[in-house]
Every structure is written in structure tokens, then in C-alpha cells.
ModelCIF file with pLDDT and N, C-alpha, C, O atoms, coordinates in Angstrom:
data_MODEL
#
_entry.id   MODEL 
#
_entity.id                         1 
_entity.type                       polymer 
_entity.pdbx_number_of_molecules   1 
#
_entity_poly.entity_id                      1 
_entity_poly.type                           'polypeptide(L)' 
_entity_poly.nstd_linkage                   no 
_entity_poly.nstd_monomer                   no 
_entity_poly.pdbx_seq_one_letter_code       
;(UNK)(UNK)(UNK)(UNK)(UNK)(UNK)(UNK)(UNK)(UNK)(UNK)(UNK)(UNK)(UNK)(UNK)(UNK)(UNK)
(UNK)(UNK)(UNK)(UNK)(UNK)(UNK)(UNK)(UNK)(UNK)(UNK)(UNK)(UNK)(UNK)(UNK)(UNK)(UNK)
;
_entity_poly.pdbx_seq_one_letter_code_can   XXXXXXXXXXXXXXXXXXXXXXXXXXXXXXXX 
_entity_poly.pdbx_strand_id                 A 
#
loop_
_entity_poly_seq.entity_id 
_entity_poly_seq.num 
_entity_poly_seq.mon_id 
_entity_poly_seq.hetero 
1 1  UNK n 
1 2  UNK n 
1 3  UNK n 
1 4  UNK n 
1 5  UNK n 
1 6  UNK n 
1 7  UNK n 
1 8  UNK n 
1 9  UNK n 
1 10 UNK n 
1 11 UNK n 
1 12 UNK n 
1 13 UNK n 
1 14 UNK n 
1 15 UNK n 
1 16 UNK n 
1 17 UNK n 
1 18 UNK n 
1 19 UNK n 
1 20 UNK n 
1 21 UNK n 
1 22 UNK n 
1 23 UNK n 
1 24 UNK n 
1 25 UNK n 
1 26 UNK n 
1 27 UNK n 
1 28 UNK n 
1 29 UNK n 
1 30 UNK n 
1 31 UNK n 
1 32 UNK n 
#
_struct_asym.id          A 
_struct_asym.entity_id   1 
#
loop_
_ma_qa_metric.id 
_ma_qa_metric.mode 
_ma_qa_metric.name 
_ma_qa_metric.software_group_id 
_ma_qa_metric.type 
1 global pLDDT . pLDDT 
2 local  pLDDT . pLDDT 
#
_ma_qa_metric_global.metric_id      1 
_ma_qa_metric_global.metric_value   88.50 
_ma_qa_metric_global.model_id       1 
_ma_qa_metric_global.ordinal_id     1 
#
loop_
_ma_qa_metric_local.label_asym_id 
_ma_qa_metric_local.label_comp_id 
_ma_qa_metric_local.label_seq_id 
_ma_qa_metric_local.metric_id 
_ma_qa_metric_local.metric_value 
_ma_qa_metric_local.model_id 
_ma_qa_metric_local.ordinal_id 
A UNK 1  2 79.00 1 1  
A UNK 2  2 78.00 1 2  
A UNK 3  2 78.00 1 3  
A UNK 4  2 80.00 1 4  
A UNK 5  2 80.00 1 5  
A UNK 6  2 85.00 1 6  
A UNK 7  2 90.00 1 7  
A UNK 8  2 92.00 1 8  
A UNK 9  2 92.00 1 9  
A UNK 10 2 94.00 1 10 
A UNK 11 2 94.00 1 11 
A UNK 12 2 94.00 1 12 
A UNK 13 2 92.00 1 13 
A UNK 14 2 92.00 1 14 
A UNK 15 2 92.00 1 15 
A UNK 16 2 89.00 1 16 
A UNK 17 2 88.00 1 17 
A UNK 18 2 89.00 1 18 
A UNK 19 2 89.00 1 19 
A UNK 20 2 84.00 1 20 
A UNK 21 2 85.00 1 21 
A UNK 22 2 84.00 1 22 
A UNK 23 2 87.00 1 23 
A UNK 24 2 89.00 1 24 
A UNK 25 2 89.00 1 25 
A UNK 26 2 90.00 1 26 
A UNK 27 2 92.00 1 27 
A UNK 28 2 92.00 1 28 
A UNK 29 2 93.00 1 29 
A UNK 30 2 93.00 1 30 
A UNK 31 2 94.00 1 31 
A UNK 32 2 93.00 1 32 
#
loop_
_atom_site.group_PDB 
_atom_site.id 
_atom_site.type_symbol 
_atom_site.label_atom_id 
_atom_site.label_alt_id 
_atom_site.label_comp_id 
_atom_site.label_asym_id 
_atom_site.label_entity_id 
_atom_site.label_seq_id 
_atom_site.pdbx_PDB_ins_code 
_atom_site.Cartn_x 
_atom_site.Cartn_y 
_atom_site.Cartn_z 
_atom_site.occupancy 
_atom_site.B_iso_or_equiv 
_atom_site.pdbx_formal_charge 
_atom_site.auth_seq_id 
_atom_site.auth_comp_id 
_atom_site.auth_asym_id 
_atom_site.auth_atom_id 
_atom_site.pdbx_PDB_model_num 
ATOM 1   N N  . UNK A 1 1  ? 98.289  152.987 164.679 1.00 79.00 ? 1  UNK A N  1 
ATOM 2   C CA . UNK A 1 1  ? 99.604  152.574 164.205 1.00 79.00 ? 1  UNK A CA 1 
ATOM 3   C C  . UNK A 1 1  ? 100.352 153.762 163.596 1.00 79.00 ? 1  UNK A C  1 
ATOM 4   O O  . UNK A 1 1  ? 101.553 153.924 163.812 1.00 79.00 ? 1  UNK A O  1 
ATOM 5   N N  . UNK A 1 2  ? 99.632  154.592 162.832 1.00 78.00 ? 2  UNK A N  1 
ATOM 6   C CA . UNK A 1 2  ? 100.231 155.737 162.142 1.00 78.00 ? 2  UNK A CA 1 
ATOM 7   C C  . UNK A 1 2  ? 99.324  156.937 162.358 1.00 78.00 ? 2  UNK A C  1 
ATOM 8   O O  . UNK A 1 2  ? 98.261  157.039 161.745 1.00 78.00 ? 2  UNK A O  1 
ATOM 9   N N  . UNK A 1 3  ? 99.741  157.838 163.222 1.00 78.00 ? 3  UNK A N  1 
ATOM 10  C CA . UNK A 1 3  ? 98.923  159.004 163.582 1.00 78.00 ? 3  UNK A CA 1 
ATOM 11  C C  . UNK A 1 3  ? 98.580  159.920 162.429 1.00 78.00 ? 3  UNK A C  1 
ATOM 12  O O  . UNK A 1 3  ? 97.676  160.747 162.549 1.00 78.00 ? 3  UNK A O  1 
ATOM 13  N N  . UNK A 1 4  ? 99.290  159.793 161.298 1.00 80.00 ? 4  UNK A N  1 
ATOM 14  C CA . UNK A 1 4  ? 98.988  160.622 160.129 1.00 80.00 ? 4  UNK A CA 1 
ATOM 15  C C  . UNK A 1 4  ? 97.853  160.036 159.309 1.00 80.00 ? 4  UNK A C  1 
ATOM 16  O O  . UNK A 1 4  ? 97.206  160.745 158.538 1.00 80.00 ? 4  UNK A O  1 
ATOM 17  N N  . UNK A 1 5  ? 97.611  158.745 159.474 1.00 80.00 ? 5  UNK A N  1 
ATOM 18  C CA . UNK A 1 5  ? 96.615  158.037 158.656 1.00 80.00 ? 5  UNK A CA 1 
ATOM 19  C C  . UNK A 1 5  ? 95.297  157.882 159.413 1.00 80.00 ? 5  UNK A C  1 
ATOM 20  O O  . UNK A 1 5  ? 95.229  158.016 160.635 1.00 80.00 ? 5  UNK A O  1 
ATOM 21  N N  . UNK A 1 6  ? 94.269  157.599 158.645 1.00 85.00 ? 6  UNK A N  1 
ATOM 22  C CA . UNK A 1 6  ? 92.951  157.324 159.221 1.00 85.00 ? 6  UNK A CA 1 
ATOM 23  C C  . UNK A 1 6  ? 92.584  155.865 158.996 1.00 85.00 ? 6  UNK A C  1 
ATOM 24  O O  . UNK A 1 6  ? 93.040  155.231 158.045 1.00 85.00 ? 6  UNK A O  1 
ATOM 25  N N  . UNK A 1 7  ? 91.764  155.356 159.879 1.00 90.00 ? 7  UNK A N  1 
ATOM 26  C CA . UNK A 1 7  ? 91.194  154.032 159.689 1.00 90.00 ? 7  UNK A CA 1 
ATOM 27  C C  . UNK A 1 7  ? 89.696  154.142 159.949 1.00 90.00 ? 7  UNK A C  1 
ATOM 28  O O  . UNK A 1 7  ? 89.213  155.157 160.452 1.00 90.00 ? 7  UNK A O  1 
ATOM 29  N N  . UNK A 1 8  ? 88.986  153.106 159.608 1.00 92.00 ? 8  UNK A N  1 
ATOM 30  C CA . UNK A 1 8  ? 87.537  153.124 159.798 1.00 92.00 ? 8  UNK A CA 1 
ATOM 31  C C  . UNK A 1 8  ? 87.136  151.954 160.692 1.00 92.00 ? 8  UNK A C  1 
ATOM 32  O O  . UNK A 1 8  ? 87.794  150.914 160.725 1.00 92.00 ? 8  UNK A O  1 
ATOM 33  N N  . UNK A 1 9  ? 86.051  152.156 161.404 1.00 92.00 ? 9  UNK A N  1 
ATOM 34  C CA . UNK A 1 9  ? 85.494  151.091 162.230 1.00 92.00 ? 9  UNK A CA 1 
ATOM 35  C C  . UNK A 1 9  ? 83.984  151.155 162.107 1.00 92.00 ? 9  UNK A C  1 
ATOM 36  O O  . UNK A 1 9  ? 83.420  152.174 161.709 1.00 92.00 ? 9  UNK A O  1 
ATOM 37  N N  . UNK A 1 10 ? 83.342  150.056 162.453 1.00 94.00 ? 10 UNK A N  1 
ATOM 38  C CA . UNK A 1 10 ? 81.892  150.013 162.404 1.00 94.00 ? 10 UNK A CA 1 
ATOM 39  C C  . UNK A 1 10 ? 81.301  150.848 163.534 1.00 94.00 ? 10 UNK A C  1 
ATOM 40  O O  . UNK A 1 10 ? 81.794  150.832 164.662 1.00 94.00 ? 10 UNK A O  1 
ATOM 41  N N  . UNK A 1 11 ? 80.250  151.567 163.212 1.00 94.00 ? 11 UNK A N  1 
ATOM 42  C CA . UNK A 1 11 ? 79.468  152.217 164.249 1.00 94.00 ? 11 UNK A CA 1 
ATOM 43  C C  . UNK A 1 11 ? 78.499  151.174 164.805 1.00 94.00 ? 11 UNK A C  1 
ATOM 44  O O  . UNK A 1 11 ? 78.474  150.038 164.332 1.00 94.00 ? 11 UNK A O  1 
ATOM 45  N N  . UNK A 1 12 ? 77.713  151.550 165.793 1.00 94.00 ? 12 UNK A N  1 
ATOM 46  C CA . UNK A 1 12 ? 76.710  150.608 166.301 1.00 94.00 ? 12 UNK A CA 1 
ATOM 47  C C  . UNK A 1 12 ? 75.730  150.230 165.187 1.00 94.00 ? 12 UNK A C  1 
ATOM 48  O O  . UNK A 1 12 ? 75.347  149.067 165.063 1.00 94.00 ? 12 UNK A O  1 
ATOM 49  N N  . UNK A 1 13 ? 75.329  151.210 164.380 1.00 92.00 ? 13 UNK A N  1 
ATOM 50  C CA . UNK A 1 13 ? 74.431  150.931 163.251 1.00 92.00 ? 13 UNK A CA 1 
ATOM 51  C C  . UNK A 1 13 ? 75.112  150.010 162.238 1.00 92.00 ? 13 UNK A C  1 
ATOM 52  O O  . UNK A 1 13 ? 74.470  149.131 161.663 1.00 92.00 ? 13 UNK A O  1 
ATOM 53  N N  . UNK A 1 14 ? 76.400  150.214 162.023 1.00 92.00 ? 14 UNK A N  1 
ATOM 54  C CA . UNK A 1 14 ? 77.151  149.375 161.095 1.00 92.00 ? 14 UNK A CA 1 
ATOM 55  C C  . UNK A 1 14 ? 77.239  147.943 161.582 1.00 92.00 ? 14 UNK A C  1 
ATOM 56  O O  . UNK A 1 14 ? 77.134  147.002 160.795 1.00 92.00 ? 14 UNK A O  1 
ATOM 57  N N  . UNK A 1 15 ? 77.433  147.781 162.881 1.00 92.00 ? 15 UNK A N  1 
ATOM 58  C CA . UNK A 1 15 ? 77.493  146.439 163.463 1.00 92.00 ? 15 UNK A CA 1 
ATOM 59  C C  . UNK A 1 15 ? 76.166  145.712 163.258 1.00 92.00 ? 15 UNK A C  1 
ATOM 60  O O  . UNK A 1 15 ? 76.148  144.524 162.934 1.00 92.00 ? 15 UNK A O  1 
ATOM 61  N N  . UNK A 1 16 ? 75.064  146.423 163.445 1.00 89.00 ? 16 UNK A N  1 
ATOM 62  C CA . UNK A 1 16 ? 73.743  145.823 163.218 1.00 89.00 ? 16 UNK A CA 1 
ATOM 63  C C  . UNK A 1 16 ? 73.550  145.486 161.741 1.00 89.00 ? 16 UNK A C  1 
ATOM 64  O O  . UNK A 1 16 ? 72.986  144.445 161.404 1.00 89.00 ? 16 UNK A O  1 
ATOM 65  N N  . UNK A 1 17 ? 74.023  146.371 160.865 1.00 88.00 ? 17 UNK A N  1 
ATOM 66  C CA . UNK A 1 17 ? 73.833  146.169 159.421 1.00 88.00 ? 17 UNK A CA 1 
ATOM 67  C C  . UNK A 1 17 ? 74.578  144.943 158.916 1.00 88.00 ? 17 UNK A C  1 
ATOM 68  O O  . UNK A 1 17 ? 74.104  144.254 158.013 1.00 88.00 ? 17 UNK A O  1 
ATOM 69  N N  . UNK A 1 18 ? 75.733  144.670 159.489 1.00 89.00 ? 18 UNK A N  1 
ATOM 70  C CA . UNK A 1 18 ? 76.548  143.549 159.010 1.00 89.00 ? 18 UNK A CA 1 
ATOM 71  C C  . UNK A 1 18 ? 76.203  142.236 159.727 1.00 89.00 ? 18 UNK A C  1 
ATOM 72  O O  . UNK A 1 18 ? 76.644  141.165 159.308 1.00 89.00 ? 18 UNK A O  1 
ATOM 73  N N  . UNK A 1 19 ? 75.424  142.319 160.795 1.00 89.00 ? 19 UNK A N  1 
ATOM 74  C CA . UNK A 1 19 ? 75.026  141.101 161.511 1.00 89.00 ? 19 UNK A CA 1 
ATOM 75  C C  . UNK A 1 19 ? 74.289  140.174 160.550 1.00 89.00 ? 19 UNK A C  1 
ATOM 76  O O  . UNK A 1 19 ? 73.374  140.594 159.841 1.00 89.00 ? 19 UNK A O  1 
ATOM 77  N N  . UNK A 1 20 ? 74.689  138.948 160.538 1.00 84.00 ? 20 UNK A N  1 
ATOM 78  C CA . UNK A 1 20 ? 74.040  137.970 159.669 1.00 84.00 ? 20 UNK A CA 1 
ATOM 79  C C  . UNK A 1 20 ? 74.581  137.932 158.251 1.00 84.00 ? 20 UNK A C  1 
ATOM 80  O O  . UNK A 1 20 ? 74.053  137.206 157.409 1.00 84.00 ? 20 UNK A O  1 
ATOM 81  N N  . UNK A 1 21 ? 75.619  138.698 157.974 1.00 85.00 ? 21 UNK A N  1 
ATOM 82  C CA . UNK A 1 21 ? 76.175  138.730 156.614 1.00 85.00 ? 21 UNK A CA 1 
ATOM 83  C C  . UNK A 1 21 ? 76.696  137.360 156.193 1.00 85.00 ? 21 UNK A C  1 
ATOM 84  O O  . UNK A 1 21 ? 76.516  136.954 155.045 1.00 85.00 ? 21 UNK A O  1 
ATOM 85  N N  . UNK A 1 22 ? 77.339  136.649 157.113 1.00 84.00 ? 22 UNK A N  1 
ATOM 86  C CA . UNK A 1 22 ? 77.865  135.321 156.770 1.00 84.00 ? 22 UNK A CA 1 
ATOM 87  C C  . UNK A 1 22 ? 76.737  134.377 156.360 1.00 84.00 ? 22 UNK A C  1 
ATOM 88  O O  . UNK A 1 22 ? 76.869  133.628 155.393 1.00 84.00 ? 22 UNK A O  1 
ATOM 89  N N  . UNK A 1 23 ? 75.631  134.416 157.099 1.00 87.00 ? 23 UNK A N  1 
ATOM 90  C CA . UNK A 1 23 ? 74.478  133.579 156.739 1.00 87.00 ? 23 UNK A CA 1 
ATOM 91  C C  . UNK A 1 23 ? 73.906  133.998 155.391 1.00 87.00 ? 23 UNK A C  1 
ATOM 92  O O  . UNK A 1 23 ? 73.508  133.154 154.587 1.00 87.00 ? 23 UNK A O  1 
ATOM 93  N N  . UNK A 1 24 ? 73.868  135.301 155.149 1.00 89.00 ? 24 UNK A N  1 
ATOM 94  C CA . UNK A 1 24 ? 73.368  135.811 153.873 1.00 89.00 ? 24 UNK A CA 1 
ATOM 95  C C  . UNK A 1 24 ? 74.249  135.338 152.721 1.00 89.00 ? 24 UNK A C  1 
ATOM 96  O O  . UNK A 1 24 ? 73.743  134.845 151.713 1.00 89.00 ? 24 UNK A O  1 
ATOM 97  N N  . UNK A 1 25 ? 75.566  135.487 152.867 1.00 89.00 ? 25 UNK A N  1 
ATOM 98  C CA . UNK A 1 25 ? 76.495  135.027 151.836 1.00 89.00 ? 25 UNK A CA 1 
ATOM 99  C C  . UNK A 1 25 ? 76.304  133.531 151.562 1.00 89.00 ? 25 UNK A C  1 
ATOM 100 O O  . UNK A 1 25 ? 76.261  133.102 150.409 1.00 89.00 ? 25 UNK A O  1 
ATOM 101 N N  . UNK A 1 26 ? 76.190  132.751 152.632 1.00 90.00 ? 26 UNK A N  1 
ATOM 102 C CA . UNK A 1 26 ? 76.030  131.299 152.487 1.00 90.00 ? 26 UNK A CA 1 
ATOM 103 C C  . UNK A 1 26 ? 74.743  130.965 151.734 1.00 90.00 ? 26 UNK A C  1 
ATOM 104 O O  . UNK A 1 26 ? 74.751  130.116 150.843 1.00 90.00 ? 26 UNK A O  1 
ATOM 105 N N  . UNK A 1 27 ? 73.642  131.625 152.084 1.00 92.00 ? 27 UNK A N  1 
ATOM 106 C CA . UNK A 1 27 ? 72.369  131.386 151.389 1.00 92.00 ? 27 UNK A CA 1 
ATOM 107 C C  . UNK A 1 27 ? 72.476  131.701 149.906 1.00 92.00 ? 27 UNK A C  1 
ATOM 108 O O  . UNK A 1 27 ? 72.023  130.921 149.068 1.00 92.00 ? 27 UNK A O  1 
ATOM 109 N N  . UNK A 1 28 ? 73.067  132.828 149.582 1.00 92.00 ? 28 UNK A N  1 
ATOM 110 C CA . UNK A 1 28 ? 73.189  133.243 148.186 1.00 92.00 ? 28 UNK A CA 1 
ATOM 111 C C  . UNK A 1 28 ? 74.100  132.283 147.420 1.00 92.00 ? 28 UNK A C  1 
ATOM 112 O O  . UNK A 1 28 ? 73.780  131.870 146.305 1.00 92.00 ? 28 UNK A O  1 
ATOM 113 N N  . UNK A 1 29 ? 75.224  131.935 148.020 1.00 93.00 ? 29 UNK A N  1 
ATOM 114 C CA . UNK A 1 29 ? 76.157  131.020 147.357 1.00 93.00 ? 29 UNK A CA 1 
ATOM 115 C C  . UNK A 1 29 ? 75.524  129.656 147.127 1.00 93.00 ? 29 UNK A C  1 
ATOM 116 O O  . UNK A 1 29 ? 75.721  129.053 146.072 1.00 93.00 ? 29 UNK A O  1 
ATOM 117 N N  . UNK A 1 30 ? 74.770  129.166 148.096 1.00 93.00 ? 30 UNK A N  1 
ATOM 118 C CA . UNK A 1 30 ? 74.088  127.878 147.917 1.00 93.00 ? 30 UNK A CA 1 
ATOM 119 C C  . UNK A 1 30 ? 73.096  127.950 146.761 1.00 93.00 ? 30 UNK A C  1 
ATOM 120 O O  . UNK A 1 30 ? 73.015  127.025 145.953 1.00 93.00 ? 30 UNK A O  1 
ATOM 121 N N  . UNK A 1 31 ? 72.346  129.043 146.681 1.00 94.00 ? 31 UNK A N  1 
ATOM 122 C CA . UNK A 1 31 ? 71.386  129.181 145.591 1.00 94.00 ? 31 UNK A CA 1 
ATOM 123 C C  . UNK A 1 31 ? 72.102  129.312 144.254 1.00 94.00 ? 31 UNK A C  1 
ATOM 124 O O  . UNK A 1 31 ? 71.666  128.742 143.254 1.00 94.00 ? 31 UNK A O  1 
ATOM 125 N N  . UNK A 1 32 ? 73.192  130.056 144.237 1.00 93.00 ? 32 UNK A N  1 
ATOM 126 C CA . UNK A 1 32 ? 73.940  130.259 142.997 1.00 93.00 ? 32 UNK A CA 1 
ATOM 127 C C  . UNK A 1 32 ? 74.516  128.943 142.474 1.00 93.00 ? 32 UNK A C  1 
ATOM 128 O O  . UNK A 1 32 ? 75.177  128.928 141.436 1.00 93.00 ? 32 UNK A O  1 
#
């Protein structure tokens, strides 16, 4: 959108790391 600015995206490792985050959040919230 703006060639002067930077943005970030997930790497393949990042995609694996965040997989299952929604389930993790749900488990923690239920316990809390």
C-alpha cells in the first residue's frame, strides 16, 4: 500500500507456531 513503509507476515515457522492458537485461547479462557 505504501512503498515507504514495512509490514510483517508470518513465515512458514510462524504459521506453524500460531496453528491451534484459537483452541489454546479457548482452553485457557474456559479454565479461567
